[in-house]
mmCIF file of all heavy atoms, coordinates in Angstrom:
data_MODEL
# 
_entry.id   MODEL 
# 
loop_
_atom_site.group_PDB 
_atom_site.id 
_atom_site.type_symbol 
_atom_site.label_atom_id 
_atom_site.label_alt_id 
_atom_site.label_comp_id 
_atom_site.label_asym_id 
_atom_site.label_entity_id 
_atom_site.label_seq_id 
_atom_site.pdbx_PDB_ins_code 
_atom_site.Cartn_x 
_atom_site.Cartn_y 
_atom_site.Cartn_z 
_atom_site.occupancy 
_atom_site.B_iso_or_equiv 
_atom_site.pdbx_formal_charge 
_atom_site.auth_seq_id 
_atom_site.auth_comp_id 
_atom_site.auth_asym_id 
_atom_site.auth_atom_id 
_atom_site.pdbx_PDB_model_num 
ATOM 1   N N   . LYS A 1 1  ? 0.838   -1.198 0.000   1.00 0.00 ? 1  LYS A N   1 
ATOM 2   C CA  . LYS A 1 1  ? 0.000   0.000  0.000   1.00 0.00 ? 1  LYS A CA  1 
ATOM 3   C C   . LYS A 1 1  ? 0.874   1.249  0.000   1.00 0.00 ? 1  LYS A C   1 
ATOM 4   O O   . LYS A 1 1  ? 2.063   1.200  0.297   1.00 0.00 ? 1  LYS A O   1 
ATOM 5   C CB  . LYS A 1 1  ? -0.907  0.038  1.237   1.00 0.00 ? 1  LYS A CB  1 
ATOM 6   C CG  . LYS A 1 1  ? -2.176  -0.791 1.108   1.00 0.00 ? 1  LYS A CG  1 
ATOM 7   C CD  . LYS A 1 1  ? -3.140  -0.524 2.254   1.00 0.00 ? 1  LYS A CD  1 
ATOM 8   C CE  . LYS A 1 1  ? -3.730  0.866  2.222   1.00 0.00 ? 1  LYS A CE  1 
ATOM 9   N NZ  . LYS A 1 1  ? -4.692  1.058  1.105   1.00 0.00 ? 1  LYS A NZ  1 
ATOM 10  N N   . ILE A 1 2  ? 0.244   2.368  -0.310  1.00 0.00 ? 2  ILE A N   1 
ATOM 11  C CA  . ILE A 1 2  ? 0.870   3.685  -0.227  1.00 0.00 ? 2  ILE A CA  1 
ATOM 12  C C   . ILE A 1 2  ? -0.021  4.558  0.652   1.00 0.00 ? 2  ILE A C   1 
ATOM 13  O O   . ILE A 1 2  ? -1.241  4.570  0.492   1.00 0.00 ? 2  ILE A O   1 
ATOM 14  C CB  . ILE A 1 2  ? 1.014   4.317  -1.622  1.00 0.00 ? 2  ILE A CB  1 
ATOM 15  C CG1 . ILE A 1 2  ? 1.919   3.462  -2.520  1.00 0.00 ? 2  ILE A CG1 1 
ATOM 16  C CG2 . ILE A 1 2  ? 1.560   5.737  -1.515  1.00 0.00 ? 2  ILE A CG2 1 
ATOM 17  C CD1 . ILE A 1 2  ? 1.895   3.878  -3.983  1.00 0.00 ? 2  ILE A CD1 1 
ATOM 18  N N   . ILE A 1 3  ? 0.601   5.283  1.588   1.00 0.00 ? 3  ILE A N   1 
ATOM 19  C CA  . ILE A 1 3  ? -0.143  6.174  2.478   1.00 0.00 ? 3  ILE A CA  1 
ATOM 20  C C   . ILE A 1 3  ? 0.481   7.568  2.396   1.00 0.00 ? 3  ILE A C   1 
ATOM 21  O O   . ILE A 1 3  ? 1.656   7.746  2.727   1.00 0.00 ? 3  ILE A O   1 
ATOM 22  C CB  . ILE A 1 3  ? -0.099  5.691  3.946   1.00 0.00 ? 3  ILE A CB  1 
ATOM 23  C CG1 . ILE A 1 3  ? -0.564  4.236  4.069   1.00 0.00 ? 3  ILE A CG1 1 
ATOM 24  C CG2 . ILE A 1 3  ? -0.945  6.624  4.825   1.00 0.00 ? 3  ILE A CG2 1 
ATOM 25  C CD1 . ILE A 1 3  ? -2.025  4.019  3.800   1.00 0.00 ? 3  ILE A CD1 1 
ATOM 26  N N   . SER A 1 4  ? -0.300  8.551  1.957   1.00 0.00 ? 4  SER A N   1 
ATOM 27  C CA  . SER A 1 4  ? 0.167   9.935  1.896   1.00 0.00 ? 4  SER A CA  1 
ATOM 28  C C   . SER A 1 4  ? -0.607  10.779 2.904   1.00 0.00 ? 4  SER A C   1 
ATOM 29  O O   . SER A 1 4  ? -1.837  10.786 2.898   1.00 0.00 ? 4  SER A O   1 
ATOM 30  C CB  . SER A 1 4  ? -0.012  10.505 0.482   1.00 0.00 ? 4  SER A CB  1 
ATOM 31  O OG  . SER A 1 4  ? 0.904   9.931  -0.418  1.00 0.00 ? 4  SER A OG  1 
ATOM 32  N N   . HIS A 1 5  ? 0.126   11.487 3.757   1.00 0.00 ? 5  HIS A N   1 
ATOM 33  C CA  . HIS A 1 5  ? -0.462  12.323 4.809   1.00 0.00 ? 5  HIS A CA  1 
ATOM 34  C C   . HIS A 1 5  ? -0.274  13.795 4.431   1.00 0.00 ? 5  HIS A C   1 
ATOM 35  O O   . HIS A 1 5  ? 0.825   14.210 4.072   1.00 0.00 ? 5  HIS A O   1 
ATOM 36  C CB  . HIS A 1 5  ? 0.235   12.086 6.150   1.00 0.00 ? 5  HIS A CB  1 
ATOM 37  C CG  . HIS A 1 5  ? 0.445   10.652 6.512   1.00 0.00 ? 5  HIS A CG  1 
ATOM 38  N ND1 . HIS A 1 5  ? 1.383   9.850  5.878   1.00 0.00 ? 5  HIS A ND1 1 
ATOM 39  C CD2 . HIS A 1 5  ? -0.132  9.881  7.467   1.00 0.00 ? 5  HIS A CD2 1 
ATOM 40  C CE1 . HIS A 1 5  ? 1.368   8.643  6.420   1.00 0.00 ? 5  HIS A CE1 1 
ATOM 41  N NE2 . HIS A 1 5  ? 0.457   8.639  7.377   1.00 0.00 ? 5  HIS A NE2 1 
ATOM 42  N N   . THR A 1 6  ? -1.322  14.584 4.556   1.00 0.00 ? 6  THR A N   1 
ATOM 43  C CA  . THR A 1 6  ? -1.174  16.000 4.268   1.00 0.00 ? 6  THR A CA  1 
ATOM 44  C C   . THR A 1 6  ? -0.510  16.728 5.436   1.00 0.00 ? 6  THR A C   1 
ATOM 45  O O   . THR A 1 6  ? -0.684  16.352 6.602   1.00 0.00 ? 6  THR A O   1 
ATOM 46  C CB  . THR A 1 6  ? -2.524  16.670 3.961   1.00 0.00 ? 6  THR A CB  1 
ATOM 47  O OG1 . THR A 1 6  ? -2.284  18.053 3.644   1.00 0.00 ? 6  THR A OG1 1 
ATOM 48  C CG2 . THR A 1 6  ? -3.486  16.596 5.144   1.00 0.00 ? 6  THR A CG2 1 
ATOM 49  N N   . VAL A 1 7  ? 0.233   17.795 5.111   1.00 0.00 ? 7  VAL A N   1 
ATOM 50  C CA  . VAL A 1 7  ? 0.743   18.692 6.150   1.00 0.00 ? 7  VAL A CA  1 
ATOM 51  C C   . VAL A 1 7  ? -0.065  19.992 6.156   1.00 0.00 ? 7  VAL A C   1 
ATOM 52  O O   . VAL A 1 7  ? 0.253   20.919 6.894   1.00 0.00 ? 7  VAL A O   1 
ATOM 53  C CB  . VAL A 1 7  ? 2.249   18.990 5.931   1.00 0.00 ? 7  VAL A CB  1 
ATOM 54  C CG1 . VAL A 1 7  ? 3.069   17.736 6.069   1.00 0.00 ? 7  VAL A CG1 1 
ATOM 55  C CG2 . VAL A 1 7  ? 2.502   19.656 4.573   1.00 0.00 ? 7  VAL A CG2 1 
ATOM 56  N N   . ASP A 1 8  ? -1.114  20.041 5.338   1.00 0.00 ? 8  ASP A N   1 
ATOM 57  C CA  . ASP A 1 8  ? -1.951  21.233 5.215   1.00 0.00 ? 8  ASP A CA  1 
ATOM 58  C C   . ASP A 1 8  ? -3.425  20.859 5.390   1.00 0.00 ? 8  ASP A C   1 
ATOM 59  O O   . ASP A 1 8  ? -4.224  20.954 4.461   1.00 0.00 ? 8  ASP A O   1 
ATOM 60  C CB  . ASP A 1 8  ? -1.721  21.861 3.832   1.00 0.00 ? 8  ASP A CB  1 
ATOM 61  C CG  . ASP A 1 8  ? -2.490  23.162 3.632   1.00 0.00 ? 8  ASP A CG  1 
ATOM 62  O OD1 . ASP A 1 8  ? -3.039  23.699 4.623   1.00 0.00 ? 8  ASP A OD1 1 
ATOM 63  O OD2 . ASP A 1 8  ? -2.551  23.633 2.476   1.00 0.00 ? 8  ASP A OD2 1 
ATOM 64  N N   . PRO A 1 9  ? -3.802  20.412 6.596   1.00 0.00 ? 9  PRO A N   1 
ATOM 65  C CA  . PRO A 1 9  ? -5.177  19.932 6.787   1.00 0.00 ? 9  PRO A CA  1 
ATOM 66  C C   . PRO A 1 9  ? -6.237  21.017 6.631   1.00 0.00 ? 9  PRO A C   1 
ATOM 67  O O   . PRO A 1 9  ? -7.404  20.704 6.362   1.00 0.00 ? 9  PRO A O   1 
ATOM 68  C CB  . PRO A 1 9  ? -5.155  19.375 8.210   1.00 0.00 ? 9  PRO A CB  1 
ATOM 69  C CG  . PRO A 1 9  ? -4.031  20.083 8.890   1.00 0.00 ? 9  PRO A CG  1 
ATOM 70  C CD  . PRO A 1 9  ? -2.990  20.304 7.826   1.00 0.00 ? 9  PRO A CD  1 
ATOM 71  N N   . LYS A 1 10 ? -5.851  22.280 6.769   1.00 0.00 ? 10 LYS A N   1 
ATOM 72  C CA  . LYS A 1 10 ? -6.831  23.364 6.619   1.00 0.00 ? 10 LYS A CA  1 
ATOM 73  C C   . LYS A 1 10 ? -7.394  23.383 5.203   1.00 0.00 ? 10 LYS A C   1 
ATOM 74  O O   . LYS A 1 10 ? -8.610  23.548 5.000   1.00 0.00 ? 10 LYS A O   1 
ATOM 75  C CB  . LYS A 1 10 ? -6.176  24.707 6.956   1.00 0.00 ? 10 LYS A CB  1 
ATOM 76  C CG  . LYS A 1 10 ? -7.150  25.879 6.891   1.00 0.00 ? 10 LYS A CG  1 
ATOM 77  C CD  . LYS A 1 10 ? -6.474  27.174 7.318   1.00 0.00 ? 10 LYS A CD  1 
ATOM 78  C CE  . LYS A 1 10 ? -7.449  28.349 7.260   1.00 0.00 ? 10 LYS A CE  1 
ATOM 79  N NZ  . LYS A 1 10 ? -6.786  29.628 7.673   1.00 0.00 ? 10 LYS A NZ  1 
ATOM 80  N N   . ARG A 1 11 ? -6.531  23.226 4.222   1.00 0.00 ? 11 ARG A N   1 
ATOM 81  C CA  . ARG A 1 11 ? -6.977  23.256 2.820   1.00 0.00 ? 11 ARG A CA  1 
ATOM 82  C C   . ARG A 1 11 ? -7.202  21.862 2.244   1.00 0.00 ? 11 ARG A C   1 
ATOM 83  O O   . ARG A 1 11 ? -8.034  21.691 1.343   1.00 0.00 ? 11 ARG A O   1 
ATOM 84  C CB  . ARG A 1 11 ? -5.961  24.024 1.959   1.00 0.00 ? 11 ARG A CB  1 
ATOM 85  C CG  . ARG A 1 11 ? -5.927  25.509 2.246   1.00 0.00 ? 11 ARG A CG  1 
ATOM 86  C CD  . ARG A 1 11 ? -4.995  26.243 1.310   1.00 0.00 ? 11 ARG A CD  1 
ATOM 87  N NE  . ARG A 1 11 ? -3.587  25.891 1.552   1.00 0.00 ? 11 ARG A NE  1 
ATOM 88  C CZ  . ARG A 1 11 ? -2.570  26.444 0.890   1.00 0.00 ? 11 ARG A CZ  1 
ATOM 89  N NH1 . ARG A 1 11 ? -2.810  27.335 -0.062  1.00 0.00 ? 11 ARG A NH1 1 
ATOM 90  N NH2 . ARG A 1 11 ? -1.332  26.091 1.166   1.00 0.00 ? 11 ARG A NH2 1 
ATOM 91  N N   . ASP A 1 12 ? -6.458  20.882 2.735   1.00 0.00 ? 12 ASP A N   1 
ATOM 92  C CA  . ASP A 1 12 ? -6.589  19.526 2.182   1.00 0.00 ? 12 ASP A CA  1 
ATOM 93  C C   . ASP A 1 12 ? -7.718  18.772 2.866   1.00 0.00 ? 12 ASP A C   1 
ATOM 94  O O   . ASP A 1 12 ? -7.519  17.875 3.686   1.00 0.00 ? 12 ASP A O   1 
ATOM 95  C CB  . ASP A 1 12 ? -5.262  18.766 2.313   1.00 0.00 ? 12 ASP A CB  1 
ATOM 96  C CG  . ASP A 1 12 ? -4.241  19.236 1.299   1.00 0.00 ? 12 ASP A CG  1 
ATOM 97  O OD1 . ASP A 1 12 ? -4.625  19.934 0.338   1.00 0.00 ? 12 ASP A OD1 1 
ATOM 98  O OD2 . ASP A 1 12 ? -3.051  18.912 1.462   1.00 0.00 ? 12 ASP A OD2 1 
ATOM 99  N N   . THR A 1 13 ? -8.931  19.168 2.506   1.00 0.00 ? 13 THR A N   1 
ATOM 100 C CA  . THR A 1 13 ? -10.125 18.465 2.960   1.00 0.00 ? 13 THR A CA  1 
ATOM 101 C C   . THR A 1 13 ? -10.210 17.120 2.240   1.00 0.00 ? 13 THR A C   1 
ATOM 102 O O   . THR A 1 13 ? -9.482  16.883 1.254   1.00 0.00 ? 13 THR A O   1 
ATOM 103 C CB  . THR A 1 13 ? -11.370 19.286 2.615   1.00 0.00 ? 13 THR A CB  1 
ATOM 104 O OG1 . THR A 1 13 ? -11.431 19.427 1.179   1.00 0.00 ? 13 THR A OG1 1 
ATOM 105 C CG2 . THR A 1 13 ? -11.315 20.663 3.262   1.00 0.00 ? 13 THR A CG2 1 
ATOM 106 N N   . PRO A 1 14 ? -11.075 16.216 2.686   1.00 0.00 ? 14 PRO A N   1 
ATOM 107 C CA  . PRO A 1 14 ? -11.248 14.963 1.934   1.00 0.00 ? 14 PRO A CA  1 
ATOM 108 C C   . PRO A 1 14 ? -11.562 15.215 0.462   1.00 0.00 ? 14 PRO A C   1 
ATOM 109 O O   . PRO A 1 14 ? -11.035 14.523 -0.416  1.00 0.00 ? 14 PRO A O   1 
ATOM 110 C CB  . PRO A 1 14 ? -12.412 14.283 2.667   1.00 0.00 ? 14 PRO A CB  1 
ATOM 111 C CG  . PRO A 1 14 ? -12.285 14.762 4.075   1.00 0.00 ? 14 PRO A CG  1 
ATOM 112 C CD  . PRO A 1 14 ? -11.830 16.194 3.958   1.00 0.00 ? 14 PRO A CD  1 
ATOM 113 N N   . GLU A 1 15 ? -12.404 16.211 0.183   1.00 0.00 ? 15 GLU A N   1 
ATOM 114 C CA  . GLU A 1 15 ? -12.755 16.513 -1.203  1.00 0.00 ? 15 GLU A CA  1 
ATOM 115 C C   . GLU A 1 15 ? -11.531 16.976 -1.990  1.00 0.00 ? 15 GLU A C   1 
ATOM 116 O O   . GLU A 1 15 ? -11.344 16.581 -3.158  1.00 0.00 ? 15 GLU A O   1 
ATOM 117 C CB  . GLU A 1 15 ? -13.837 17.600 -1.248  1.00 0.00 ? 15 GLU A CB  1 
ATOM 118 C CG  . GLU A 1 15 ? -15.178 17.186 -0.672  1.00 0.00 ? 15 GLU A CG  1 
ATOM 119 C CD  . GLU A 1 15 ? -15.225 17.231 0.858   1.00 0.00 ? 15 GLU A CD  1 
ATOM 120 O OE1 . GLU A 1 15 ? -14.278 17.778 1.467   1.00 0.00 ? 15 GLU A OE1 1 
ATOM 121 O OE2 . GLU A 1 15 ? -16.203 16.711 1.422   1.00 0.00 ? 15 GLU A OE2 1 
ATOM 122 N N   . ALA A 1 16 ? -10.696 17.806 -1.366  1.00 0.00 ? 16 ALA A N   1 
ATOM 123 C CA  . ALA A 1 16 ? -9.491  18.301 -2.044  1.00 0.00 ? 16 ALA A CA  1 
ATOM 124 C C   . ALA A 1 16 ? -8.508  17.166 -2.295  1.00 0.00 ? 16 ALA A C   1 
ATOM 125 O O   . ALA A 1 16 ? -7.874  17.100 -3.351  1.00 0.00 ? 16 ALA A O   1 
ATOM 126 C CB  . ALA A 1 16 ? -8.844  19.402 -1.216  1.00 0.00 ? 16 ALA A CB  1 
ATOM 127 N N   . MET A 1 17 ? -8.383  16.265 -1.321  1.00 0.00 ? 17 MET A N   1 
ATOM 128 C CA  . MET A 1 17 ? -7.465  15.137 -1.501  1.00 0.00 ? 17 MET A CA  1 
ATOM 129 C C   . MET A 1 17 ? -7.969  14.190 -2.576  1.00 0.00 ? 17 MET A C   1 
ATOM 130 O O   . MET A 1 17 ? -7.182  13.656 -3.360  1.00 0.00 ? 17 MET A O   1 
ATOM 131 C CB  . MET A 1 17 ? -7.272  14.392 -0.176  1.00 0.00 ? 17 MET A CB  1 
ATOM 132 C CG  . MET A 1 17 ? -6.565  15.180 0.893   1.00 0.00 ? 17 MET A CG  1 
ATOM 133 S SD  . MET A 1 17 ? -6.056  14.152 2.305   1.00 0.00 ? 17 MET A SD  1 
ATOM 134 C CE  . MET A 1 17 ? -7.628  13.440 2.795   1.00 0.00 ? 17 MET A CE  1 
ATOM 135 N N   . LYS A 1 18 ? -9.278  13.986 -2.626  1.00 0.00 ? 18 LYS A N   1 
ATOM 136 C CA  . LYS A 1 18 ? -9.847  13.101 -3.654  1.00 0.00 ? 18 LYS A CA  1 
ATOM 137 C C   . LYS A 1 18 ? -9.620  13.688 -5.040  1.00 0.00 ? 18 LYS A C   1 
ATOM 138 O O   . LYS A 1 18 ? -9.258  12.965 -5.991  1.00 0.00 ? 18 LYS A O   1 
ATOM 139 C CB  . LYS A 1 18 ? -11.335 12.897 -3.394  1.00 0.00 ? 18 LYS A CB  1 
ATOM 140 C CG  . LYS A 1 18 ? -11.975 11.870 -4.322  1.00 0.00 ? 18 LYS A CG  1 
ATOM 141 C CD  . LYS A 1 18 ? -13.395 11.557 -3.891  1.00 0.00 ? 18 LYS A CD  1 
ATOM 142 C CE  . LYS A 1 18 ? -14.006 10.467 -4.760  1.00 0.00 ? 18 LYS A CE  1 
ATOM 143 N NZ  . LYS A 1 18 ? -15.375 10.109 -4.313  1.00 0.00 ? 18 LYS A NZ  1 
ATOM 144 N N   . ALA A 1 19 ? -9.796  15.007 -5.159  1.00 0.00 ? 19 ALA A N   1 
ATOM 145 C CA  . ALA A 1 19 ? -9.549  15.663 -6.444  1.00 0.00 ? 19 ALA A CA  1 
ATOM 146 C C   . ALA A 1 19 ? -8.071  15.566 -6.822  1.00 0.00 ? 19 ALA A C   1 
ATOM 147 O O   . ALA A 1 19 ? -7.728  15.364 -7.995  1.00 0.00 ? 19 ALA A O   1 
ATOM 148 C CB  . ALA A 1 19 ? -9.989  17.122 -6.374  1.00 0.00 ? 19 ALA A CB  1 
ATOM 149 N N   . TYR A 1 20 ? -7.203  15.713 -5.840  1.00 0.00 ? 20 TYR A N   1 
ATOM 150 C CA  . TYR A 1 20 ? -5.758  15.590 -6.080  1.00 0.00 ? 20 TYR A CA  1 
ATOM 151 C C   . TYR A 1 20 ? -5.416  14.180 -6.549  1.00 0.00 ? 20 TYR A C   1 
ATOM 152 O O   . TYR A 1 20 ? -4.651  14.004 -7.513  1.00 0.00 ? 20 TYR A O   1 
ATOM 153 C CB  . TYR A 1 20 ? -5.001  15.924 -4.792  1.00 0.00 ? 20 TYR A CB  1 
ATOM 154 C CG  . TYR A 1 20 ? -3.506  15.797 -4.896  1.00 0.00 ? 20 TYR A CG  1 
ATOM 155 C CD1 . TYR A 1 20 ? -2.744  16.795 -5.492  1.00 0.00 ? 20 TYR A CD1 1 
ATOM 156 C CD2 . TYR A 1 20 ? -2.841  14.683 -4.374  1.00 0.00 ? 20 TYR A CD2 1 
ATOM 157 C CE1 . TYR A 1 20 ? -1.361  16.696 -5.577  1.00 0.00 ? 20 TYR A CE1 1 
ATOM 158 C CE2 . TYR A 1 20 ? -1.465  14.565 -4.458  1.00 0.00 ? 20 TYR A CE2 1 
ATOM 159 C CZ  . TYR A 1 20 ? -0.727  15.570 -5.057  1.00 0.00 ? 20 TYR A CZ  1 
ATOM 160 O OH  . TYR A 1 20 ? 0.644   15.466 -5.148  1.00 0.00 ? 20 TYR A OH  1 
ATOM 161 N N   . ALA A 1 21 ? -5.983  13.182 -5.890  1.00 0.00 ? 21 ALA A N   1 
ATOM 162 C CA  . ALA A 1 21 ? -5.730  11.787 -6.270  1.00 0.00 ? 21 ALA A CA  1 
ATOM 163 C C   . ALA A 1 21 ? -6.167  11.533 -7.711  1.00 0.00 ? 21 ALA A C   1 
ATOM 164 O O   . ALA A 1 21 ? -5.451  10.885 -8.486  1.00 0.00 ? 21 ALA A O   1 
ATOM 165 C CB  . ALA A 1 21 ? -6.462  10.845 -5.316  1.00 0.00 ? 21 ALA A CB  1 
ATOM 166 N N   . GLU A 1 22 ? -7.320  12.054 -8.078  1.00 0.00 ? 22 GLU A N   1 
ATOM 167 C CA  . GLU A 1 22 ? -7.811  11.884 -9.444  1.00 0.00 ? 22 GLU A CA  1 
ATOM 168 C C   . GLU A 1 22 ? -6.903  12.610 -10.436 1.00 0.00 ? 22 GLU A C   1 
ATOM 169 O O   . GLU A 1 22 ? -6.633  12.102 -11.536 1.00 0.00 ? 22 GLU A O   1 
ATOM 170 C CB  . GLU A 1 22 ? -9.246  12.396 -9.557  1.00 0.00 ? 22 GLU A CB  1 
ATOM 171 C CG  . GLU A 1 22 ? -10.248 11.545 -8.784  1.00 0.00 ? 22 GLU A CG  1 
ATOM 172 C CD  . GLU A 1 22 ? -11.644 12.142 -8.768  1.00 0.00 ? 22 GLU A CD  1 
ATOM 173 O OE1 . GLU A 1 22 ? -11.801 13.318 -9.237  1.00 0.00 ? 22 GLU A OE1 1 
ATOM 174 O OE2 . GLU A 1 22 ? -12.578 11.475 -8.282  1.00 0.00 ? 22 GLU A OE2 1 
ATOM 175 N N   . ARG A 1 23 ? -6.428  13.776 -10.039 1.00 0.00 ? 23 ARG A N   1 
ATOM 176 C CA  . ARG A 1 23 ? -5.601  14.586 -10.940 1.00 0.00 ? 23 ARG A CA  1 
ATOM 177 C C   . ARG A 1 23 ? -4.274  13.908 -11.266 1.00 0.00 ? 23 ARG A C   1 
ATOM 178 O O   . ARG A 1 23 ? -3.801  13.965 -12.411 1.00 0.00 ? 23 ARG A O   1 
ATOM 179 C CB  . ARG A 1 23 ? -5.354  15.959 -10.312 1.00 0.00 ? 23 ARG A CB  1 
ATOM 180 C CG  . ARG A 1 23 ? -4.631  16.944 -11.212 1.00 0.00 ? 23 ARG A CG  1 
ATOM 181 C CD  . ARG A 1 23 ? -4.739  18.355 -10.690 1.00 0.00 ? 23 ARG A CD  1 
ATOM 182 N NE  . ARG A 1 23 ? -3.937  18.608 -9.507  1.00 0.00 ? 23 ARG A NE  1 
ATOM 183 C CZ  . ARG A 1 23 ? -4.433  18.858 -8.301  1.00 0.00 ? 23 ARG A CZ  1 
ATOM 184 N NH1 . ARG A 1 23 ? -5.747  18.863 -8.123  1.00 0.00 ? 23 ARG A NH1 1 
ATOM 185 N NH2 . ARG A 1 23 ? -3.647  19.089 -7.278  1.00 0.00 ? 23 ARG A NH2 1 
ATOM 186 N N   . ILE A 1 24 ? -3.669  13.243 -10.276 1.00 0.00 ? 24 ILE A N   1 
ATOM 187 C CA  . ILE A 1 24 ? -2.360  12.631 -10.515 1.00 0.00 ? 24 ILE A CA  1 
ATOM 188 C C   . ILE A 1 24 ? -2.467  11.186 -10.987 1.00 0.00 ? 24 ILE A C   1 
ATOM 189 O O   . ILE A 1 24 ? -1.463  10.576 -11.365 1.00 0.00 ? 24 ILE A O   1 
ATOM 190 C CB  . ILE A 1 24 ? -1.469  12.701 -9.259  1.00 0.00 ? 24 ILE A CB  1 
ATOM 191 C CG1 . ILE A 1 24 ? -2.036  11.837 -8.128  1.00 0.00 ? 24 ILE A CG1 1 
ATOM 192 C CG2 . ILE A 1 24 ? -1.272  14.145 -8.816  1.00 0.00 ? 24 ILE A CG2 1 
ATOM 193 C CD1 . ILE A 1 24 ? -1.104  11.712 -6.934  1.00 0.00 ? 24 ILE A CD1 1 
ATOM 194 N N   . GLY A 1 25 ? -3.671  10.615 -10.960 1.00 0.00 ? 25 GLY A N   1 
ATOM 195 C CA  . GLY A 1 25 ? -3.845  9.239  -11.406 1.00 0.00 ? 25 GLY A CA  1 
ATOM 196 C C   . GLY A 1 25 ? -3.593  8.203  -10.335 1.00 0.00 ? 25 GLY A C   1 
ATOM 197 O O   . GLY A 1 25 ? -3.187  7.067  -10.633 1.00 0.00 ? 25 GLY A O   1 
ATOM 198 N N   . ALA A 1 26 ? -3.839  8.556  -9.077  1.00 0.00 ? 26 ALA A N   1 
ATOM 199 C CA  . ALA A 1 26 ? -3.642  7.608  -7.975  1.00 0.00 ? 26 ALA A CA  1 
ATOM 200 C C   . ALA A 1 26 ? -4.781  6.588  -7.930  1.00 0.00 ? 26 ALA A C   1 
ATOM 201 O O   . ALA A 1 26 ? -5.949  6.952  -8.080  1.00 0.00 ? 26 ALA A O   1 
ATOM 202 C CB  . ALA A 1 26 ? -3.573  8.357  -6.642  1.00 0.00 ? 26 ALA A CB  1 
ATOM 203 N N   . ASP A 1 27 ? -4.439  5.338  -7.719  1.00 0.00 ? 27 ASP A N   1 
ATOM 204 C CA  . ASP A 1 27 ? -5.420  4.270  -7.528  1.00 0.00 ? 27 ASP A CA  1 
ATOM 205 C C   . ASP A 1 27 ? -5.730  4.195  -6.039  1.00 0.00 ? 27 ASP A C   1 
ATOM 206 O O   . ASP A 1 27 ? -4.936  3.680  -5.254  1.00 0.00 ? 27 ASP A O   1 
ATOM 207 C CB  . ASP A 1 27 ? -4.847  2.944  -8.027  1.00 0.00 ? 27 ASP A CB  1 
ATOM 208 C CG  . ASP A 1 27 ? -5.783  1.765  -7.783  1.00 0.00 ? 27 ASP A CG  1 
ATOM 209 O OD1 . ASP A 1 27 ? -6.882  1.978  -7.233  1.00 0.00 ? 27 ASP A OD1 1 
ATOM 210 O OD2 . ASP A 1 27 ? -5.393  0.628  -8.122  1.00 0.00 ? 27 ASP A OD2 1 
# 
């Protein structure tokens, strides 16, 4: 597995992280 933790929780909401994952092609 791969686990990425944000250091910017104020802006990196679940929705923002999901959009980021889709943008970079993360499975």
